[in-house]
Full PDB file with SEQRES, HELIX, SHEET, SSBOND, CRYST1, ORIGX, SCALE, CONECT and MASTER records, all heavy atoms in Angstrom:
SEQRES   1 A   30  THR GLN THR ALA LEU GLY ASN PHE PRO GLN VAL TYR SER          
SEQRES   2 A   30  HIS LEU GLY ILE ILE ASP ALA ALA VAL CYS LEU SER GLY          
SEQRES   3 A   30  LEU THR GLY GLY                                              
HELIX    1 AA1 VAL A   11  SER A   25  1                                  15    
CRYST1    1.000    1.000    1.000  90.00  90.00  90.00 P 1           1          
ORIGX1      1.000000  0.000000  0.000000        0.00000                         
ORIGX2      0.000000  1.000000  0.000000        0.00000                         
ORIGX3      0.000000  0.000000  1.000000        0.00000                         
SCALE1      1.000000  0.000000  0.000000        0.00000                         
SCALE2      0.000000  1.000000  0.000000        0.00000                         
SCALE3      0.000000  0.000000  1.000000        0.00000                         
ATOM      1  N   THR A   1       0.807  -1.219   0.001  1.00  0.00           N  
ATOM      2  CA  THR A   1       0.000  -0.001   0.000  1.00  0.00           C  
ATOM      3  C   THR A   1       0.841   1.271   0.000  1.00  0.00           C  
ATOM      4  O   THR A   1       0.295   2.361  -0.093  1.00  0.00           O  
ATOM      5  CB  THR A   1      -0.940   0.021   1.220  1.00  0.00           C  
ATOM      6  OG1 THR A   1      -0.146   0.011   2.413  1.00  0.00           O  
ATOM      7  CG2 THR A   1      -1.885  -1.170   1.205  1.00  0.00           C  
ATOM      8  N   GLN A   2       2.153   1.100   0.134  1.00  0.00           N  
ATOM      9  CA  GLN A   2       3.100   2.220   0.188  1.00  0.00           C  
ATOM     10  C   GLN A   2       2.716   3.228   1.267  1.00  0.00           C  
ATOM     11  O   GLN A   2       2.681   4.437   1.027  1.00  0.00           O  
ATOM     12  CB  GLN A   2       3.227   2.882  -1.173  1.00  0.00           C  
ATOM     13  CG  GLN A   2       3.779   1.957  -2.223  1.00  0.00           C  
ATOM     14  CD  GLN A   2       3.973   2.624  -3.564  1.00  0.00           C  
ATOM     15  OE1 GLN A   2       3.487   3.724  -3.818  1.00  0.00           O  
ATOM     16  NE2 GLN A   2       4.689   1.955  -4.441  1.00  0.00           N  
ATOM     17  N   THR A   3       2.433   2.689   2.462  1.00  0.00           N  
ATOM     18  CA  THR A   3       2.063   3.555   3.572  1.00  0.00           C  
ATOM     19  C   THR A   3       2.924   3.251   4.794  1.00  0.00           C  
ATOM     20  O   THR A   3       3.354   2.121   5.016  1.00  0.00           O  
ATOM     21  CB  THR A   3       0.586   3.378   3.957  1.00  0.00           C  
ATOM     22  OG1 THR A   3       0.339   1.995   4.227  1.00  0.00           O  
ATOM     23  CG2 THR A   3      -0.343   3.835   2.859  1.00  0.00           C  
ATOM     24  N   ALA A   4       3.129   4.287   5.584  1.00  0.00           N  
ATOM     25  CA  ALA A   4       3.836   4.145   6.848  1.00  0.00           C  
ATOM     26  C   ALA A   4       2.865   3.576   7.875  1.00  0.00           C  
ATOM     27  O   ALA A   4       1.689   3.928   7.897  1.00  0.00           O  
ATOM     28  CB  ALA A   4       4.353   5.504   7.304  1.00  0.00           C  
ATOM     29  N   LEU A   5       3.373   2.690   8.719  1.00  0.00           N  
ATOM     30  CA  LEU A   5       2.546   2.052   9.745  1.00  0.00           C  
ATOM     31  C   LEU A   5       3.225   2.167  11.106  1.00  0.00           C  
ATOM     32  O   LEU A   5       4.434   2.341  11.192  1.00  0.00           O  
ATOM     33  CB  LEU A   5       2.341   0.572   9.416  1.00  0.00           C  
ATOM     34  CG  LEU A   5       1.736   0.239   8.055  1.00  0.00           C  
ATOM     35  CD1 LEU A   5       1.818  -1.258   7.801  1.00  0.00           C  
ATOM     36  CD2 LEU A   5       0.299   0.714   8.007  1.00  0.00           C  
ATOM     37  N   GLY A   6       2.436   2.024  12.143  1.00  0.00           N  
ATOM     38  CA  GLY A   6       2.989   2.008  13.494  1.00  0.00           C  
ATOM     39  C   GLY A   6       3.309   3.396  14.010  1.00  0.00           C  
ATOM     40  O   GLY A   6       2.804   4.395  13.511  1.00  0.00           O  
ATOM     41  N   ASN A   7       4.151   3.419  15.027  1.00  0.00           N  
ATOM     42  CA  ASN A   7       4.521   4.690  15.662  1.00  0.00           C  
ATOM     43  C   ASN A   7       5.337   5.557  14.706  1.00  0.00           C  
ATOM     44  O   ASN A   7       6.114   5.059  13.906  1.00  0.00           O  
ATOM     45  CB  ASN A   7       5.343   4.428  16.918  1.00  0.00           C  
ATOM     46  CG  ASN A   7       4.545   3.707  17.970  1.00  0.00           C  
ATOM     47  OD1 ASN A   7       3.355   3.938  18.127  1.00  0.00           O  
ATOM     48  ND2 ASN A   7       5.194   2.824  18.688  1.00  0.00           N  
ATOM     49  N   PHE A   8       5.160   6.860  14.854  1.00  0.00           N  
ATOM     50  CA  PHE A   8       5.878   7.797  13.996  1.00  0.00           C  
ATOM     51  C   PHE A   8       6.166   9.057  14.787  1.00  0.00           C  
ATOM     52  O   PHE A   8       5.240   9.649  15.333  1.00  0.00           O  
ATOM     53  CB  PHE A   8       5.026   8.140  12.772  1.00  0.00           C  
ATOM     54  CG  PHE A   8       5.746   9.010  11.788  1.00  0.00           C  
ATOM     55  CD1 PHE A   8       6.550   8.442  10.820  1.00  0.00           C  
ATOM     56  CD2 PHE A   8       5.643  10.379  11.852  1.00  0.00           C  
ATOM     57  CE1 PHE A   8       7.221   9.236   9.912  1.00  0.00           C  
ATOM     58  CE2 PHE A   8       6.309  11.182  10.959  1.00  0.00           C  
ATOM     59  CZ  PHE A   8       7.099  10.606   9.981  1.00  0.00           C  
ATOM     60  N   PRO A   9       7.382   9.503  14.849  1.00  0.00           N  
ATOM     61  CA  PRO A   9       8.602   8.832  14.415  1.00  0.00           C  
ATOM     62  C   PRO A   9       8.993   7.733  15.392  1.00  0.00           C  
ATOM     63  O   PRO A   9       8.589   7.764  16.551  1.00  0.00           O  
ATOM     64  CB  PRO A   9       9.643   9.940  14.401  1.00  0.00           C  
ATOM     65  CG  PRO A   9       9.196  10.882  15.457  1.00  0.00           C  
ATOM     66  CD  PRO A   9       7.680  10.815  15.456  1.00  0.00           C  
ATOM     67  N   GLN A  10       9.763   6.802  14.907  1.00  0.00           N  
ATOM     68  CA  GLN A  10      10.147   5.639  15.700  1.00  0.00           C  
ATOM     69  C   GLN A  10      11.651   5.665  15.938  1.00  0.00           C  
ATOM     70  O   GLN A  10      12.432   5.644  14.998  1.00  0.00           O  
ATOM     71  CB  GLN A  10       9.750   4.363  14.960  1.00  0.00           C  
ATOM     72  CG  GLN A  10      10.178   3.076  15.601  1.00  0.00           C  
ATOM     73  CD  GLN A  10       9.729   2.916  17.029  1.00  0.00           C  
ATOM     74  OE1 GLN A  10      10.549   2.998  17.919  1.00  0.00           O  
ATOM     75  NE2 GLN A  10       8.450   2.700  17.260  1.00  0.00           N  
ATOM     76  N   VAL A  11      12.034   5.693  17.203  1.00  0.00           N  
ATOM     77  CA  VAL A  11      13.461   5.783  17.531  1.00  0.00           C  
ATOM     78  C   VAL A  11      14.232   4.557  17.065  1.00  0.00           C  
ATOM     79  O   VAL A  11      15.372   4.676  16.612  1.00  0.00           O  
ATOM     80  CB  VAL A  11      13.658   6.038  19.039  1.00  0.00           C  
ATOM     81  CG1 VAL A  11      13.281   4.821  19.856  1.00  0.00           C  
ATOM     82  CG2 VAL A  11      15.100   6.426  19.322  1.00  0.00           C  
ATOM     83  N   TYR A  12      13.642   3.376  17.139  1.00  0.00           N  
ATOM     84  CA  TYR A  12      14.373   2.173  16.724  1.00  0.00           C  
ATOM     85  C   TYR A  12      14.695   2.197  15.239  1.00  0.00           C  
ATOM     86  O   TYR A  12      15.762   1.755  14.815  1.00  0.00           O  
ATOM     87  CB  TYR A  12      13.594   0.902  17.090  1.00  0.00           C  
ATOM     88  CG  TYR A  12      13.432   0.734  18.581  1.00  0.00           C  
ATOM     89  CD1 TYR A  12      12.187   0.722  19.164  1.00  0.00           C  
ATOM     90  CD2 TYR A  12      14.547   0.613  19.395  1.00  0.00           C  
ATOM     91  CE1 TYR A  12      12.033   0.580  20.531  1.00  0.00           C  
ATOM     92  CE2 TYR A  12      14.412   0.466  20.760  1.00  0.00           C  
ATOM     93  CZ  TYR A  12      13.156   0.453  21.335  1.00  0.00           C  
ATOM     94  OH  TYR A  12      13.010   0.325  22.677  1.00  0.00           O  
ATOM     95  N   SER A  13      13.797   2.717  14.440  1.00  0.00           N  
ATOM     96  CA  SER A  13      14.065   2.842  13.005  1.00  0.00           C  
ATOM     97  C   SER A  13      15.268   3.748  12.770  1.00  0.00           C  
ATOM     98  O   SER A  13      16.137   3.454  11.954  1.00  0.00           O  
ATOM     99  CB  SER A  13      12.848   3.412  12.277  1.00  0.00           C  
ATOM    100  OG  SER A  13      11.739   2.548  12.417  1.00  0.00           O  
ATOM    101  N   HIS A  14      15.313   4.843  13.508  1.00  0.00           N  
ATOM    102  CA  HIS A  14      16.409   5.798  13.335  1.00  0.00           C  
ATOM    103  C   HIS A  14      17.731   5.235  13.839  1.00  0.00           C  
ATOM    104  O   HIS A  14      18.769   5.414  13.194  1.00  0.00           O  
ATOM    105  CB  HIS A  14      16.061   7.121  14.015  1.00  0.00           C  
ATOM    106  CG  HIS A  14      14.937   7.814  13.326  1.00  0.00           C  
ATOM    107  ND1 HIS A  14      13.630   7.619  13.689  1.00  0.00           N  
ATOM    108  CD2 HIS A  14      14.928   8.654  12.271  1.00  0.00           C  
ATOM    109  CE1 HIS A  14      12.849   8.335  12.885  1.00  0.00           C  
ATOM    110  NE2 HIS A  14      13.610   8.964  12.019  1.00  0.00           N  
ATOM    111  N   LEU A  15      17.701   4.536  14.956  1.00  0.00           N  
ATOM    112  CA  LEU A  15      18.933   3.912  15.451  1.00  0.00           C  
ATOM    113  C   LEU A  15      19.439   2.856  14.478  1.00  0.00           C  
ATOM    114  O   LEU A  15      20.648   2.746  14.236  1.00  0.00           O  
ATOM    115  CB  LEU A  15      18.707   3.296  16.828  1.00  0.00           C  
ATOM    116  CG  LEU A  15      18.508   4.278  17.965  1.00  0.00           C  
ATOM    117  CD1 LEU A  15      18.176   3.540  19.261  1.00  0.00           C  
ATOM    118  CD2 LEU A  15      19.735   5.137  18.149  1.00  0.00           C  
ATOM    119  N   GLY A  16      18.526   2.087  13.911  1.00  0.00           N  
ATOM    120  CA  GLY A  16      18.915   1.074  12.933  1.00  0.00           C  
ATOM    121  C   GLY A  16      19.561   1.668  11.702  1.00  0.00           C  
ATOM    122  O   GLY A  16      20.582   1.169  11.215  1.00  0.00           O  
ATOM    123  N   ILE A  17      18.989   2.745  11.184  1.00  0.00           N  
ATOM    124  CA  ILE A  17      19.544   3.342   9.971  1.00  0.00           C  
ATOM    125  C   ILE A  17      20.880   4.022  10.271  1.00  0.00           C  
ATOM    126  O   ILE A  17      21.793   4.023   9.446  1.00  0.00           O  
ATOM    127  CB  ILE A  17      18.542   4.298   9.292  1.00  0.00           C  
ATOM    128  CG1 ILE A  17      18.903   4.463   7.825  1.00  0.00           C  
ATOM    129  CG2 ILE A  17      18.460   5.619   9.975  1.00  0.00           C  
ATOM    130  CD1 ILE A  17      17.829   5.068   6.976  1.00  0.00           C  
ATOM    131  N   ILE A  18      21.034   4.564  11.472  1.00  0.00           N  
ATOM    132  CA  ILE A  18      22.327   5.147  11.864  1.00  0.00           C  
ATOM    133  C   ILE A  18      23.384   4.053  11.945  1.00  0.00           C  
ATOM    134  O   ILE A  18      24.500   4.205  11.423  1.00  0.00           O  
ATOM    135  CB  ILE A  18      22.200   5.907  13.192  1.00  0.00           C  
ATOM    136  CG1 ILE A  18      21.381   7.184  12.990  1.00  0.00           C  
ATOM    137  CG2 ILE A  18      23.583   6.230  13.772  1.00  0.00           C  
ATOM    138  CD1 ILE A  18      20.937   7.847  14.277  1.00  0.00           C  
ATOM    139  N   ASP A  19      23.050   2.937  12.587  1.00  0.00           N  
ATOM    140  CA  ASP A  19      23.992   1.812  12.665  1.00  0.00           C  
ATOM    141  C   ASP A  19      24.365   1.302  11.277  1.00  0.00           C  
ATOM    142  O   ASP A  19      25.528   0.995  11.009  1.00  0.00           O  
ATOM    143  CB  ASP A  19      23.414   0.668  13.496  1.00  0.00           C  
ATOM    144  CG  ASP A  19      23.442   0.933  14.989  1.00  0.00           C  
ATOM    145  OD1 ASP A  19      24.152   1.871  15.418  1.00  0.00           O  
ATOM    146  OD2 ASP A  19      22.764   0.199  15.724  1.00  0.00           O  
ATOM    147  N   ALA A  20      23.385   1.196  10.394  1.00  0.00           N  
ATOM    148  CA  ALA A  20      23.655   0.731   9.034  1.00  0.00           C  
ATOM    149  C   ALA A  20      24.558   1.725   8.302  1.00  0.00           C  
ATOM    150  O   ALA A  20      25.483   1.315   7.584  1.00  0.00           O  
ATOM    151  CB  ALA A  20      22.346   0.528   8.264  1.00  0.00           C  
ATOM    152  N   ALA A  21      24.312   3.008   8.480  1.00  0.00           N  
ATOM    153  CA  ALA A  21      25.149   4.021   7.827  1.00  0.00           C  
ATOM    154  C   ALA A  21      26.585   3.952   8.329  1.00  0.00           C  
ATOM    155  O   ALA A  21      27.532   4.050   7.535  1.00  0.00           O  
ATOM    156  CB  ALA A  21      24.567   5.414   8.074  1.00  0.00           C  
ATOM    157  N   VAL A  22      26.761   3.755   9.622  1.00  0.00           N  
ATOM    158  CA  VAL A  22      28.107   3.626  10.181  1.00  0.00           C  
ATOM    159  C   VAL A  22      28.787   2.384   9.608  1.00  0.00           C  
ATOM    160  O   VAL A  22      29.967   2.428   9.225  1.00  0.00           O  
ATOM    161  CB  VAL A  22      28.056   3.592  11.725  1.00  0.00           C  
ATOM    162  CG1 VAL A  22      29.395   3.194  12.307  1.00  0.00           C  
ATOM    163  CG2 VAL A  22      27.614   4.943  12.268  1.00  0.00           C  
ATOM    164  N   CYS A  23      28.064   1.296   9.506  1.00  0.00           N  
ATOM    165  CA  CYS A  23      28.610   0.061   8.942  1.00  0.00           C  
ATOM    166  C   CYS A  23      29.047   0.284   7.493  1.00  0.00           C  
ATOM    167  O   CYS A  23      30.170  -0.066   7.113  1.00  0.00           O  
ATOM    168  CB  CYS A  23      27.566  -1.054   9.028  1.00  0.00           C  
ATOM    169  SG  CYS A  23      28.156  -2.649   8.450  1.00  0.00           S  
ATOM    170  N   LEU A  24      28.202   0.897   6.687  1.00  0.00           N  
ATOM    171  CA  LEU A  24      28.519   1.126   5.292  1.00  0.00           C  
ATOM    172  C   LEU A  24      29.654   2.126   5.116  1.00  0.00           C  
ATOM    173  O   LEU A  24      30.364   2.092   4.118  1.00  0.00           O  
ATOM    174  CB  LEU A  24      27.282   1.612   4.521  1.00  0.00           C  
ATOM    175  CG  LEU A  24      26.431   0.526   3.880  1.00  0.00           C  
ATOM    176  CD1 LEU A  24      25.835  -0.427   4.886  1.00  0.00           C  
ATOM    177  CD2 LEU A  24      25.352   1.135   3.026  1.00  0.00           C  
ATOM    178  N   SER A  25      29.852   2.976   6.095  1.00  0.00           N  
ATOM    179  CA  SER A  25      30.933   3.964   6.003  1.00  0.00           C  
ATOM    180  C   SER A  25      32.302   3.336   6.264  1.00  0.00           C  
ATOM    181  O   SER A  25      33.327   3.943   6.000  1.00  0.00           O  
ATOM    182  CB  SER A  25      30.701   5.102   6.982  1.00  0.00           C  
ATOM    183  OG  SER A  25      30.978   4.665   8.308  1.00  0.00           O  
ATOM    184  N   GLY A  26      32.287   2.122   6.832  1.00  0.00           N  
ATOM    185  CA  GLY A  26      33.539   1.461   7.137  1.00  0.00           C  
ATOM    186  C   GLY A  26      34.104   1.812   8.497  1.00  0.00           C  
ATOM    187  O   GLY A  26      35.173   1.356   8.863  1.00  0.00           O  
ATOM    188  N   LEU A  27      33.395   2.617   9.277  1.00  0.00           N  
ATOM    189  CA  LEU A  27      33.889   3.043  10.585  1.00  0.00           C  
ATOM    190  C   LEU A  27      33.895   1.915  11.618  1.00  0.00           C  
ATOM    191  O   LEU A  27      34.570   2.024  12.634  1.00  0.00           O  
ATOM    192  CB  LEU A  27      33.073   4.228  11.110  1.00  0.00           C  
ATOM    193  CG  LEU A  27      33.206   5.525  10.295  1.00  0.00           C  
ATOM    194  CD1 LEU A  27      32.259   6.589  10.850  1.00  0.00           C  
ATOM    195  CD2 LEU A  27      34.631   6.007  10.305  1.00  0.00           C  
ATOM    196  N   THR A  28      33.136   0.850  11.367  1.00  0.00           N  
ATOM    197  CA  THR A  28      33.076  -0.244  12.344  1.00  0.00           C  
ATOM    198  C   THR A  28      34.026  -1.365  12.005  1.00  0.00           C  
ATOM    199  O   THR A  28      34.141  -2.307  12.755  1.00  0.00           O  
ATOM    200  CB  THR A  28      31.647  -0.830  12.425  1.00  0.00           C  
ATOM    201  OG1 THR A  28      31.299  -1.360  11.141  1.00  0.00           O  
ATOM    202  CG2 THR A  28      30.645   0.217  12.851  1.00  0.00           C  
ATOM    203  N   GLY A  29      34.670  -1.300  10.886  1.00  0.00           N  
ATOM    204  CA  GLY A  29      35.587  -2.351  10.486  1.00  0.00           C  
ATOM    205  C   GLY A  29      34.904  -3.590   9.954  1.00  0.00           C  
ATOM    206  O   GLY A  29      35.508  -4.617   9.744  1.00  0.00           O  
ATOM    207  N   GLY A  30      33.540  -3.507   9.735  1.00  0.00           N  
ATOM    208  CA  GLY A  30      32.782  -4.672   9.290  1.00  0.00           C  
ATOM    209  C   GLY A  30      32.754  -4.898   7.838  1.00  0.00           C  
ATOM    210  O   GLY A  30      33.243  -4.391   6.948  1.00  0.00           O  
TER     211      GLY A  30                                                      
MASTER        0    0    0    1    0    0    0    6  210    1    0    3          
END                                                                             
């Protein structure tokens, strides 16, 4: 349906995307 669901804004979503960005940046050595 291309719709947002659940709580908005959601802190866990933001923490997850920050962690993913750090991983992709190479800062974690992963």
